[in-house]
Amino acid sequence: MSNVHIVYAHPAGRSFTRDLLDSFVGGLTGAGHSHTLSDLYAMGFRPDLSAGEYARESAYDAGAPVAADVTLEHERLAAADVWAFVYPVWWNDCPALMKGWFDRVWTVGWAYRPVRVVARKALVLCTAGYTQEQLQESGCYEAMRTTMIGDRIGQRAEAAEFHLFSRDVPVAGAATIAAGL
């Protein structure tokens, strides 16, 4: 059985993206997998780097400590063998809050220089107001996929998948993805 850590970013309690999260969690539970959740909006996660964090990441003050909320995220990720990122697509990317999560949580010596923790698998589950076909025609789909899988996840996972849910792809499919872990 897998232990999955979910990073979720959506400000509303009722949404297509929340339905996606609920379907995914239901699939995990039904298959006997365990999970933890970082609901970034509910947590009040601070997305912007402080001056001290910038100094640490840019090696001006490489010995500075990592913030407590970031350390907690490191612990959750390290305890999981699968990571899932669930969010709506806004302006062809994840919400700013999730982008800020990557800015703060992917710290030097943990996520790069060197990569210390590697998941068995990383999943990107996102919702969009456009179909995958429409996003592929505009070139946006490949750009979104490359940004999340190639850059943000990169070598931090042995395998990675990008799944887009839209009006033509029901969120119920997330339960099948979860069960297959």
Protein backbone atom coordinates (compact mmCIF):
# COMPACT_ATOMS: atom_id res chain seq x y z
CA MET A 1 0.00 0.00 0.00
CA SER A 2 1.13 3.53 -0.72
CA ASN A 3 1.43 6.50 1.59
CA VAL A 4 0.39 9.58 -0.39
CA HIS A 5 0.98 13.21 0.51
CA ILE A 6 -1.43 15.58 -1.23
CA VAL A 7 -0.69 19.26 -1.77
CA TYR A 8 -4.01 20.97 -2.53
CA ALA A 9 -4.65 24.57 -3.57
CA HIS A 10 -8.16 25.94 -4.04
CA PRO A 11 -9.80 28.74 -2.04
CA ALA A 12 -13.42 27.49 -2.19
CA GLY A 13 -15.04 24.70 -0.22
CA ARG A 14 -17.24 23.77 -3.20
CA SER A 15 -15.63 23.52 -6.61
CA PHE A 16 -14.81 21.19 -9.47
CA THR A 17 -11.29 20.97 -8.02
CA ARG A 18 -12.67 20.00 -4.58
CA ASP A 19 -14.72 17.28 -6.28
CA LEU A 20 -11.49 16.06 -7.88
CA LEU A 21 -9.73 15.97 -4.49
CA ASP A 22 -12.66 14.12 -2.91
CA SER A 23 -12.70 11.54 -5.72
CA PHE A 24 -8.95 11.01 -5.42
CA VAL A 25 -9.08 10.63 -1.61
CA GLY A 26 -12.03 8.25 -1.95
CA GLY A 27 -10.02 6.12 -4.35
CA LEU A 28 -7.05 6.10 -1.98
CA THR A 29 -9.20 5.09 0.98
CA GLY A 30 -11.07 2.46 -0.99
CA ALA A 31 -7.81 0.85 -2.11
CA GLY A 32 -6.34 0.85 1.41
CA HIS A 33 -3.74 3.58 0.81
CA SER A 34 -2.97 6.11 3.52
CA HIS A 35 -2.68 9.83 2.91
CA THR A 36 -1.84 13.19 4.44
CA LEU A 37 -3.04 16.53 3.14
CA SER A 38 -1.58 20.01 2.96
CA ASP A 39 -4.59 22.21 2.13
CA LEU A 40 -2.63 25.38 1.43
CA TYR A 41 -5.56 27.81 1.71
CA ALA A 42 -6.91 26.19 4.90
CA MET A 43 -3.41 26.23 6.42
CA GLY A 44 -2.89 29.89 5.60
CA PHE A 45 0.39 28.87 3.96
CA ARG A 46 2.62 31.89 3.31
CA PRO A 47 3.73 31.68 -0.34
CA ASP A 48 6.30 34.47 -0.48
CA LEU A 49 9.96 34.05 0.36
CA SER A 50 11.11 36.19 3.24
CA ALA A 51 14.38 38.10 2.94
CA GLY A 52 15.98 35.50 5.22
CA GLU A 53 14.72 32.61 3.09
CA TYR A 54 16.02 34.30 -0.04
CA ALA A 55 19.41 34.77 1.63
CA ARG A 56 19.52 31.07 2.57
CA GLU A 57 18.47 29.89 -0.92
CA SER A 58 20.88 32.19 -2.75
CA ALA A 59 23.80 31.09 -0.51
CA TYR A 60 24.29 34.51 1.03
CA ASP A 61 23.44 32.84 4.35
CA ALA A 62 23.53 29.12 3.56
CA GLY A 63 23.58 28.16 7.24
CA ALA A 64 20.28 29.87 8.08
CA PRO A 65 17.56 27.55 9.42
CA VAL A 66 14.61 26.42 7.36
CA ALA A 67 11.26 27.88 8.48
CA ALA A 68 9.12 25.64 10.71
CA ASP A 69 6.21 25.43 8.23
CA VAL A 70 8.60 24.41 5.47
CA THR A 71 10.24 21.79 7.71
CA LEU A 72 6.77 20.34 8.37
CA GLU A 73 6.17 20.07 4.62
CA HIS A 74 9.57 18.36 4.22
CA GLU A 75 8.58 15.83 6.89
CA ARG A 76 5.23 15.09 5.22
CA LEU A 77 6.86 14.62 1.83
CA ALA A 78 9.67 12.46 3.21
CA ALA A 79 7.14 10.16 4.92
CA ALA A 80 5.24 9.58 1.67
CA ASP A 81 6.22 7.44 -1.27
CA VAL A 82 3.76 9.18 -3.60
CA TRP A 83 3.12 12.92 -3.92
CA ALA A 84 -0.03 14.35 -5.48
CA PHE A 85 -0.55 17.98 -6.48
CA VAL A 86 -4.21 18.93 -6.90
CA TYR A 87 -5.17 22.37 -8.19
CA PRO A 88 -7.13 24.38 -10.76
CA VAL A 89 -5.38 25.72 -13.83
CA TRP A 90 -5.35 29.50 -13.71
CA TRP A 91 -3.62 31.37 -16.54
CA ASN A 92 -2.07 28.09 -17.69
CA ASP A 93 -0.38 27.36 -14.37
CA CYS A 94 -1.09 26.39 -10.80
CA PRO A 95 -2.46 29.05 -8.41
CA ALA A 96 0.11 31.51 -7.06
CA LEU A 97 -0.22 29.92 -3.62
CA MET A 98 1.01 26.57 -4.93
CA LYS A 99 3.76 28.23 -6.96
CA GLY A 100 4.86 29.91 -3.72
CA TRP A 101 4.76 26.52 -1.99
CA PHE A 102 7.34 25.25 -4.49
CA ASP A 103 9.41 28.45 -4.06
CA ARG A 104 9.59 27.94 -0.30
CA VAL A 105 9.50 24.12 0.11
CA TRP A 106 11.97 23.16 -2.63
CA THR A 107 14.92 24.32 -0.55
CA VAL A 108 18.61 24.02 -1.27
CA GLY A 109 20.05 20.86 0.27
CA TRP A 110 16.65 19.20 0.28
CA ALA A 111 15.10 19.50 -3.19
CA TYR A 112 18.24 20.51 -5.08
CA ARG A 113 22.01 20.79 -4.59
CA PRO A 114 21.60 17.86 -3.91
CA VAL A 115 18.16 16.27 -4.23
CA ARG A 116 17.78 14.46 -0.90
CA VAL A 117 14.24 13.09 -1.01
CA VAL A 118 12.80 11.29 -4.01
CA ALA A 119 9.23 10.00 -4.25
CA ARG A 120 8.42 6.75 -6.01
CA LYS A 121 5.79 8.65 -7.99
CA ALA A 122 4.42 12.17 -8.32
CA LEU A 123 0.97 12.90 -9.68
CA VAL A 124 -0.37 16.18 -10.98
CA LEU A 125 -4.17 16.29 -10.97
CA CYS A 126 -5.51 19.60 -12.23
CA THR A 127 -8.79 21.01 -13.43
CA ALA A 128 -9.29 23.36 -16.36
CA GLY A 129 -12.08 25.25 -18.05
CA TYR A 130 -10.77 24.12 -21.43
CA THR A 131 -10.56 20.60 -22.78
CA GLN A 132 -7.21 18.91 -23.14
CA GLU A 133 -7.63 19.07 -26.91
CA GLN A 134 -8.15 22.85 -26.80
CA LEU A 135 -5.11 23.29 -24.57
CA GLN A 136 -3.02 21.07 -26.85
CA GLU A 137 -4.03 23.07 -29.91
CA SER A 138 -2.85 26.29 -28.27
CA GLY A 139 0.39 24.73 -26.98
CA CYS A 140 -0.61 25.43 -23.39
CA TYR A 141 -1.04 21.79 -22.38
CA GLU A 142 2.56 20.86 -23.14
CA ALA A 143 3.82 24.04 -21.47
CA MET A 144 1.85 23.27 -18.28
CA ARG A 145 2.99 19.65 -18.29
CA THR A 146 6.62 20.58 -18.87
CA THR A 147 6.58 23.17 -16.10
CA MET A 148 5.11 20.80 -13.50
CA ILE A 149 6.72 17.50 -14.53
CA GLY A 150 10.02 18.66 -16.02
CA ASP A 151 10.85 21.60 -13.79
CA ARG A 152 9.00 21.47 -10.47
CA ILE A 153 9.01 17.69 -10.02
CA GLY A 154 12.03 16.84 -12.16
CA GLN A 155 14.38 14.32 -10.56
CA ARG A 156 12.49 14.53 -7.27
CA ALA A 157 10.32 11.56 -8.31
CA GLU A 158 11.19 8.30 -10.02
CA ALA A 159 8.05 8.61 -12.17
CA ALA A 160 5.54 11.39 -12.74
CA GLU A 161 2.13 11.69 -14.36
CA PHE A 162 0.12 14.72 -15.46
CA HIS A 163 -3.69 14.37 -15.51
CA LEU A 164 -6.01 17.12 -16.69
CA PHE A 165 -9.70 17.04 -15.78
CA SER A 166 -12.17 19.24 -17.61
CA ARG A 167 -15.77 19.20 -18.74
CA ASP A 168 -14.96 16.23 -21.02
CA VAL A 169 -12.96 14.25 -18.41
CA PRO A 170 -14.99 13.51 -15.26
CA VAL A 171 -13.27 13.78 -11.87
CA ALA A 172 -14.46 10.28 -10.98
CA GLY A 173 -11.43 9.06 -12.94
CA ALA A 174 -9.23 10.30 -10.10
CA ALA A 175 -10.47 7.44 -7.92
CA THR A 176 -9.18 4.96 -10.51
CA ILE A 177 -5.79 6.69 -10.60
CA ALA A 178 -5.62 6.58 -6.78
CA ALA A 179 -6.63 2.92 -6.60
CA GLY A 180 -3.88 2.01 -9.08
CA LEU A 181 -1.05 3.26 -6.89
